């Protein structure tokens, strides 16, 4: 019932409790006695769930407002501020941290904020969100698209300086980079290739 429910690692000595763990949407299910290696893996999954883009490495290339006053954001504020967004039913408000955001896309007169699991339709101006995101690891790859470079699952190169990006979100969102965005992305890819 909480807007941001706690993440749970279910531990038990009774192997018949797996359905309880699934019902609670547990990150992991561990049977006692606990194996230190399994605990370490569970912690890794928990961290990946809490900070989905911080642990991952950079991807490889494969050739007018309806917001209520309570939803206003001071986009010039501190780096630790949270972004209020409403769920699709518009009955709950979620507070998103920068590291949770996979992409920000403008379409259908709305600005869609994508996380790994959800998308939120907002009326925030894309330019304001770009300033709030504050640059690295976020990059504008199109007139209406900003992506978290750590959230990119795959980059496909096609044509002359054209790239199609696939995100590591639940639906595998695909974004075609503009020529300018593709040029920016190529620079970052070349830096990554030369440093690695």
Protein backbone atom coordinates (compact mmCIF):
# COMPACT_ATOMS: atom_id res chain seq x y z
CA UNK A 1 0.00 0.00 0.00
CA UNK A 2 3.01 2.33 0.35
CA UNK A 3 3.87 4.51 -2.66
CA UNK A 4 7.44 3.22 -2.49
CA UNK A 5 7.24 -0.16 -0.75
CA UNK A 6 10.39 -1.51 0.90
CA UNK A 7 12.44 -4.08 -0.98
CA UNK A 8 12.30 -7.49 0.68
CA UNK A 9 14.71 -10.41 0.72
CA UNK A 10 12.66 -13.30 2.09
CA UNK A 11 14.57 -15.72 4.33
CA UNK A 12 13.00 -18.83 5.84
CA UNK A 13 13.72 -22.35 7.02
CA UNK A 14 10.44 -23.56 5.52
CA UNK A 15 10.69 -24.27 1.76
CA UNK A 16 6.89 -24.11 1.47
CA UNK A 17 6.83 -20.32 1.93
CA UNK A 18 7.89 -19.43 -1.64
CA UNK A 19 4.36 -18.29 -2.54
CA UNK A 20 4.52 -15.80 0.35
CA UNK A 21 7.73 -14.38 -1.10
CA UNK A 22 6.20 -14.06 -4.57
CA UNK A 23 3.09 -12.39 -3.15
CA UNK A 24 5.34 -9.83 -1.41
CA UNK A 25 7.25 -9.28 -4.68
CA UNK A 26 10.48 -10.22 -2.88
CA UNK A 27 13.78 -9.35 -4.54
CA UNK A 28 15.13 -12.77 -3.49
CA UNK A 29 14.16 -15.92 -1.58
CA UNK A 30 16.78 -17.60 0.62
CA UNK A 31 16.45 -20.87 2.54
CA UNK A 32 18.15 -21.35 5.89
CA UNK A 33 20.85 -22.23 6.69
CA UNK A 34 22.09 -19.24 4.72
CA UNK A 35 25.02 -19.65 2.37
CA UNK A 36 27.29 -16.53 2.46
CA UNK A 37 27.64 -16.61 -1.33
CA UNK A 38 23.85 -16.63 -1.79
CA UNK A 39 23.50 -13.74 0.69
CA UNK A 40 26.11 -11.79 -1.27
CA UNK A 41 24.22 -12.46 -4.53
CA UNK A 42 20.95 -11.37 -2.88
CA UNK A 43 22.56 -8.13 -1.74
CA UNK A 44 23.81 -7.59 -5.31
CA UNK A 45 20.28 -8.09 -6.67
CA UNK A 46 18.92 -5.76 -4.00
CA UNK A 47 21.43 -3.05 -4.93
CA UNK A 48 20.66 -3.51 -8.63
CA UNK A 49 16.96 -3.15 -7.82
CA UNK A 50 17.52 0.01 -5.74
CA UNK A 51 20.12 1.58 -8.03
CA UNK A 52 19.52 0.00 -11.44
CA UNK A 53 21.94 2.15 -13.42
CA UNK A 54 24.78 2.74 -10.97
CA UNK A 55 26.21 -0.77 -11.02
CA UNK A 56 26.05 -1.31 -14.79
CA UNK A 57 28.87 -0.49 -17.16
CA UNK A 58 28.51 1.63 -20.25
CA UNK A 59 26.74 -0.26 -23.07
CA UNK A 60 28.56 -1.77 -26.03
CA UNK A 61 27.85 -0.66 -29.57
CA UNK A 62 26.67 -3.34 -32.01
CA UNK A 63 27.34 -1.47 -35.36
CA UNK A 64 1.08 24.19 -20.63
CA UNK A 65 0.75 22.62 -17.16
CA UNK A 66 -1.95 20.70 -15.31
CA UNK A 67 0.35 19.95 -12.39
CA UNK A 68 -0.96 20.92 -8.99
CA UNK A 69 1.04 23.35 -6.85
CA UNK A 70 2.22 20.40 -4.73
CA UNK A 71 3.87 18.97 -7.86
CA UNK A 72 5.87 22.07 -8.72
CA UNK A 73 9.60 21.50 -8.73
CA UNK A 74 12.37 24.03 -8.22
CA UNK A 75 14.49 22.79 -11.12
CA UNK A 76 17.38 24.97 -9.99
CA UNK A 77 17.42 23.25 -6.60
CA UNK A 78 19.88 20.97 -4.88
CA UNK A 79 21.19 17.78 -6.46
CA UNK A 80 19.43 15.58 -3.93
CA UNK A 81 15.91 16.84 -4.66
CA UNK A 82 13.28 14.35 -5.75
CA UNK A 83 10.97 14.71 -8.75
CA UNK A 84 7.26 14.32 -7.94
CA UNK A 85 5.33 12.40 -10.61
CA UNK A 86 1.82 10.95 -10.61
CA UNK A 87 1.07 7.32 -11.46
CA UNK A 88 -1.13 6.51 -14.45
CA UNK A 89 -4.29 6.45 -12.32
CA UNK A 90 -3.25 9.90 -11.01
CA UNK A 91 -4.11 8.91 -7.45
CA UNK A 92 -0.60 8.48 -6.09
CA UNK A 93 2.49 10.66 -6.24
CA UNK A 94 5.91 9.04 -6.54
CA UNK A 95 9.14 10.86 -5.74
CA UNK A 96 11.89 9.89 -8.18
CA UNK A 97 15.61 10.33 -7.65
CA UNK A 98 17.81 11.09 -10.66
CA UNK A 99 19.45 7.65 -10.62
CA UNK A 100 16.02 5.98 -11.10
CA UNK A 101 15.35 7.73 -14.39
CA UNK A 102 16.11 5.79 -17.57
CA UNK A 103 14.84 8.33 -20.09
CA UNK A 104 12.72 11.42 -20.55
CA UNK A 105 10.72 11.49 -23.80
CA UNK A 106 8.42 14.18 -25.16
CA UNK A 107 5.39 12.99 -27.16
CA UNK A 108 1.63 13.46 -27.27
CA UNK A 109 2.00 16.93 -25.66
CA UNK A 110 3.40 15.33 -22.53
CA UNK A 111 6.82 14.58 -21.13
CA UNK A 112 7.14 10.90 -20.23
CA UNK A 113 9.57 9.99 -17.46
CA UNK A 114 10.69 6.36 -17.80
CA UNK A 115 12.13 4.25 -14.98
CA UNK A 116 13.00 0.54 -15.21
CA UNK A 117 9.49 -0.51 -14.21
CA UNK A 118 7.15 2.40 -14.96
CA UNK A 119 6.41 5.38 -17.16
CA UNK A 120 4.92 8.63 -15.86
CA UNK A 121 3.13 11.22 -18.00
CA UNK A 122 3.97 14.74 -16.84
CA UNK A 123 3.64 18.29 -18.07
CA UNK A 124 7.17 19.28 -17.05
CA UNK A 125 9.03 21.09 -19.85
CA UNK A 126 11.80 18.91 -21.29
CA UNK A 127 14.35 21.73 -20.96
CA UNK A 128 13.59 22.10 -17.23
CA UNK A 129 13.97 18.35 -16.69
CA UNK A 130 17.29 18.39 -18.56
CA UNK A 131 18.60 21.10 -16.25
CA UNK A 132 17.34 19.16 -13.21
CA UNK A 133 19.04 15.97 -14.44
CA UNK A 134 22.29 17.90 -14.62
CA UNK A 135 24.29 16.30 -17.43
CA UNK A 136 26.37 13.13 -17.08
CA UNK A 137 25.16 10.37 -17.29
CA UNK A 138 22.20 12.00 -19.07
CA UNK A 139 22.48 13.00 -22.72
CA UNK A 140 20.05 14.55 -25.16
CA UNK A 141 19.95 12.19 -28.14
CA UNK A 142 17.09 13.81 -29.98
CA UNK A 143 14.96 16.92 -29.99
CA UNK A 144 12.48 15.12 -27.75
CA UNK A 145 14.65 12.51 -26.02
CA UNK A 146 17.06 12.48 -23.08
CA UNK A 147 18.55 9.16 -21.95
CA UNK A 148 20.53 7.92 -19.00
CA UNK A 149 23.61 6.42 -20.68
CA UNK A 150 23.74 3.75 -17.96
CA UNK A 151 20.19 2.67 -18.85
CA UNK A 152 21.04 1.81 -22.46
CA UNK A 153 20.92 -1.92 -23.10
CA UNK A 154 21.94 -1.88 -26.74
CA UNK A 155 23.07 0.57 -29.41
CA UNK A 156 22.55 -0.33 -33.06
CA UNK A 157 24.30 1.68 -35.74
CA UNK A 158 22.53 1.95 -39.08
CA UNK A 159 22.97 4.32 -41.99
CA UNK A 160 25.14 7.41 -41.89
CA UNK A 161 25.66 8.42 -38.25
CA UNK A 162 22.29 7.01 -37.17
CA UNK A 163 21.80 5.06 -33.96
CA UNK A 164 18.85 3.25 -32.43
CA UNK A 165 19.02 2.80 -28.66
CA UNK A 166 17.20 0.16 -26.63
CA UNK A 167 16.71 0.86 -22.92
CA UNK A 168 16.93 -1.56 -20.02
CA UNK A 169 13.34 -0.93 -18.97
CA UNK A 170 10.46 -3.38 -18.71
CA UNK A 171 9.29 -2.78 -22.28
CA UNK A 172 12.67 -2.35 -24.00
CA UNK A 173 11.89 1.21 -25.14
CA UNK A 174 13.59 2.05 -28.44
CA UNK A 175 14.74 5.55 -29.34
CA UNK A 176 16.21 6.70 -32.64
CA UNK A 177 18.87 9.34 -32.09
CA UNK A 178 18.81 12.47 -34.23
CA UNK A 179 21.89 13.30 -36.31
CA UNK A 180 23.09 15.71 -33.62
CA UNK A 181 22.32 13.21 -30.87
CA UNK A 182 24.06 10.47 -32.83
CA UNK A 183 27.15 12.69 -33.21
CA UNK A 184 27.19 13.31 -29.42
CA UNK A 185 26.74 9.61 -28.78
CA UNK A 186 29.54 8.72 -31.22
CA UNK A 187 31.92 11.03 -29.33
CA UNK A 188 31.08 9.32 -26.02
CA UNK A 189 31.42 5.86 -27.61
CA UNK A 190 34.81 6.76 -29.08
CA UNK A 191 36.01 8.05 -25.69
CA UNK A 192 34.83 4.82 -24.06
CA UNK A 193 36.51 2.71 -26.76
CA UNK A 194 39.80 4.65 -26.48
CA UNK A 195 39.89 4.54 -22.67
CA UNK A 196 38.97 0.84 -22.45
